[in-house]
Amino acid sequence: MDRPKLPDNYTQDTWQKLHEAVKAIQSSTSIRYNLEELYQAVENLCSHKVSPTLYQQLRQACEGHVQAQILQFREYPCLHRLTRQCVVSQED
């Protein structure tokens, strides 16, 4: 039995929602979408063989965030020292 075809803009629209949710998580803000809705959207994409593309998009979003955080530490060495001091004091 064939699966129903996804609507024309489903993949693009779903990625926009997921990307927005990822950015919200990365910035510690609230997510505008219901987690069940996001989960169902990912499940739909994966069942239609879009998972390799989705993986690449998520990976790029996460790598971009990590790179931005690293740049922030390079631009503000005092922030790096402060963070390091916090880690050291937590270990004590």
C-alpha atoms as a PDB file:
ATOM      1  CA  MET A   1       0.000   0.000   0.000  1.00  0.00           C
ATOM      2  CA  ASP A   2       1.360   3.414  -0.977  1.00  0.00           C
ATOM      3  CA  ARG A   3       1.695   6.200   1.528  1.00  0.00           C
ATOM      4  CA  PRO A   4      -0.224   9.392   0.850  1.00  0.00           C
ATOM      5  CA  LYS A   5       1.931  12.019  -0.812  1.00  0.00           C
ATOM      6  CA  LEU A   6       3.100  14.923   1.337  1.00  0.00           C
ATOM      7  CA  PRO A   7       1.655  18.341   0.438  1.00  0.00           C
ATOM      8  CA  ASP A   8       3.889  20.382  -1.885  1.00  0.00           C
ATOM      9  CA  ASN A   9       5.461  22.679   0.716  1.00  0.00           C
ATOM     10  CA  TYR A  10       5.308  20.228   3.622  1.00  0.00           C
ATOM     11  CA  THR A  11       9.041  19.527   3.788  1.00  0.00           C
ATOM     12  CA  GLN A  12      10.015  23.191   3.597  1.00  0.00           C
ATOM     13  CA  ASP A  13       7.290  24.340   6.020  1.00  0.00           C
ATOM     14  CA  THR A  14       8.145  21.571   8.456  1.00  0.00           C
ATOM     15  CA  TRP A  15      11.834  22.437   8.355  1.00  0.00           C
ATOM     16  CA  GLN A  16      10.991  26.053   9.162  1.00  0.00           C
ATOM     17  CA  LYS A  17       9.072  24.917  12.256  1.00  0.00           C
ATOM     18  CA  LEU A  18      11.834  22.546  13.323  1.00  0.00           C
ATOM     19  CA  HIS A  19      14.543  25.136  12.747  1.00  0.00           C
ATOM     20  CA  GLU A  20      12.610  27.658  14.800  1.00  0.00           C
ATOM     21  CA  ALA A  21      12.248  25.084  17.593  1.00  0.00           C
ATOM     22  CA  VAL A  22      15.970  24.246  17.497  1.00  0.00           C
ATOM     23  CA  LYS A  23      16.876  27.940  17.709  1.00  0.00           C
ATOM     24  CA  ALA A  24      14.476  28.375  20.639  1.00  0.00           C
ATOM     25  CA  ILE A  25      16.104  25.475  22.467  1.00  0.00           C
ATOM     26  CA  GLN A  26      19.563  26.830  21.735  1.00  0.00           C
ATOM     27  CA  SER A  27      18.625  30.256  23.077  1.00  0.00           C
ATOM     28  CA  SER A  28      16.654  28.882  26.056  1.00  0.00           C
ATOM     29  CA  THR A  29      13.381  30.421  24.947  1.00  0.00           C
ATOM     30  CA  SER A  30       9.959  28.864  24.707  1.00  0.00           C
ATOM     31  CA  ILE A  31       9.011  26.759  21.720  1.00  0.00           C
ATOM     32  CA  ARG A  32       6.027  28.025  19.790  1.00  0.00           C
ATOM     33  CA  TYR A  33       4.950  24.577  18.620  1.00  0.00           C
ATOM     34  CA  ASN A  34       3.611  21.593  20.483  1.00  0.00           C
ATOM     35  CA  LEU A  35       6.313  18.941  20.911  1.00  0.00           C
ATOM     36  CA  GLU A  36       3.913  16.233  19.726  1.00  0.00           C
ATOM     37  CA  GLU A  37       3.317  18.226  16.528  1.00  0.00           C
ATOM     38  CA  LEU A  38       7.066  18.503  15.942  1.00  0.00           C
ATOM     39  CA  TYR A  39       7.578  14.809  16.630  1.00  0.00           C
ATOM     40  CA  GLN A  40       4.792  13.863  14.215  1.00  0.00           C
ATOM     41  CA  ALA A  41       6.248  16.137  11.558  1.00  0.00           C
ATOM     42  CA  VAL A  42       9.675  14.478  11.869  1.00  0.00           C
ATOM     43  CA  GLU A  43       8.065  11.050  11.758  1.00  0.00           C
ATOM     44  CA  ASN A  44       6.203  12.021   8.579  1.00  0.00           C
ATOM     45  CA  LEU A  45       9.374  13.274   6.915  1.00  0.00           C
ATOM     46  CA  CYS A  46      11.316  10.159   7.872  1.00  0.00           C
ATOM     47  CA  SER A  47       8.590   7.844   6.608  1.00  0.00           C
ATOM     48  CA  HIS A  48       8.792   9.662   3.262  1.00  0.00           C
ATOM     49  CA  LYS A  49      12.567   9.133   3.048  1.00  0.00           C
ATOM     50  CA  VAL A  50      13.488  12.761   3.787  1.00  0.00           C
ATOM     51  CA  SER A  51      15.605  11.812   6.809  1.00  0.00           C
ATOM     52  CA  PRO A  52      19.026  12.331   5.119  1.00  0.00           C
ATOM     53  CA  THR A  53      18.081  15.896   4.195  1.00  0.00           C
ATOM     54  CA  LEU A  54      16.580  16.535   7.610  1.00  0.00           C
ATOM     55  CA  TYR A  55      19.717  15.196   9.275  1.00  0.00           C
ATOM     56  CA  GLN A  56      21.914  17.549   7.235  1.00  0.00           C
ATOM     57  CA  GLN A  57      19.712  20.541   8.049  1.00  0.00           C
ATOM     58  CA  LEU A  58      19.719  19.753  11.769  1.00  0.00           C
ATOM     59  CA  ARG A  59      23.451  19.166  11.739  1.00  0.00           C
ATOM     60  CA  GLN A  60      24.074  22.508  10.017  1.00  0.00           C
ATOM     61  CA  ALA A  61      21.828  24.309  12.505  1.00  0.00           C
ATOM     62  CA  CYS A  62      23.659  22.757  15.455  1.00  0.00           C
ATOM     63  CA  GLU A  63      27.124  23.316  13.995  1.00  0.00           C
ATOM     64  CA  GLY A  64      26.263  26.936  13.241  1.00  0.00           C
ATOM     65  CA  HIS A  65      25.168  27.456  16.825  1.00  0.00           C
ATOM     66  CA  VAL A  66      28.311  25.849  18.241  1.00  0.00           C
ATOM     67  CA  GLN A  67      30.533  27.907  15.938  1.00  0.00           C
ATOM     68  CA  ALA A  68      28.771  31.094  17.027  1.00  0.00           C
ATOM     69  CA  GLN A  69      29.349  30.172  20.671  1.00  0.00           C
ATOM     70  CA  ILE A  70      33.032  29.512  20.027  1.00  0.00           C
ATOM     71  CA  LEU A  71      33.395  32.854  18.259  1.00  0.00           C
ATOM     72  CA  GLN A  72      31.757  34.551  21.204  1.00  0.00           C
ATOM     73  CA  PHE A  73      34.368  33.066  23.528  1.00  0.00           C
ATOM     74  CA  ARG A  74      37.161  34.185  21.208  1.00  0.00           C
ATOM     75  CA  GLU A  75      35.791  37.731  21.024  1.00  0.00           C
ATOM     76  CA  TYR A  76      35.302  38.010  24.775  1.00  0.00           C
ATOM     77  CA  PRO A  77      38.254  36.351  26.522  1.00  0.00           C
ATOM     78  CA  CYS A  78      37.010  37.564  29.897  1.00  0.00           C
ATOM     79  CA  LEU A  79      33.831  35.520  29.355  1.00  0.00           C
ATOM     80  CA  HIS A  80      35.990  32.464  28.712  1.00  0.00           C
ATOM     81  CA  ARG A  81      37.919  33.060  31.946  1.00  0.00           C
ATOM     82  CA  LEU A  82      34.701  33.560  33.887  1.00  0.00           C
ATOM     83  CA  THR A  83      33.204  30.358  32.493  1.00  0.00           C
ATOM     84  CA  ARG A  84      36.388  28.477  33.280  1.00  0.00           C
ATOM     85  CA  GLN A  85      36.337  29.822  36.839  1.00  0.00           C
ATOM     86  CA  CYS A  86      32.743  28.633  37.234  1.00  0.00           C
ATOM     87  CA  VAL A  87      33.671  25.141  36.045  1.00  0.00           C
ATOM     88  CA  VAL A  88      36.663  24.998  38.387  1.00  0.00           C
ATOM     89  CA  SER A  89      34.591  26.134  41.363  1.00  0.00           C
ATOM     90  CA  GLN A  90      31.942  23.494  40.552  1.00  0.00           C
ATOM     91  CA  GLU A  91      34.608  20.794  40.611  1.00  0.00           C
ATOM     92  CA  ASP A  92      35.755  21.788  44.111  1.00  0.00           C
END
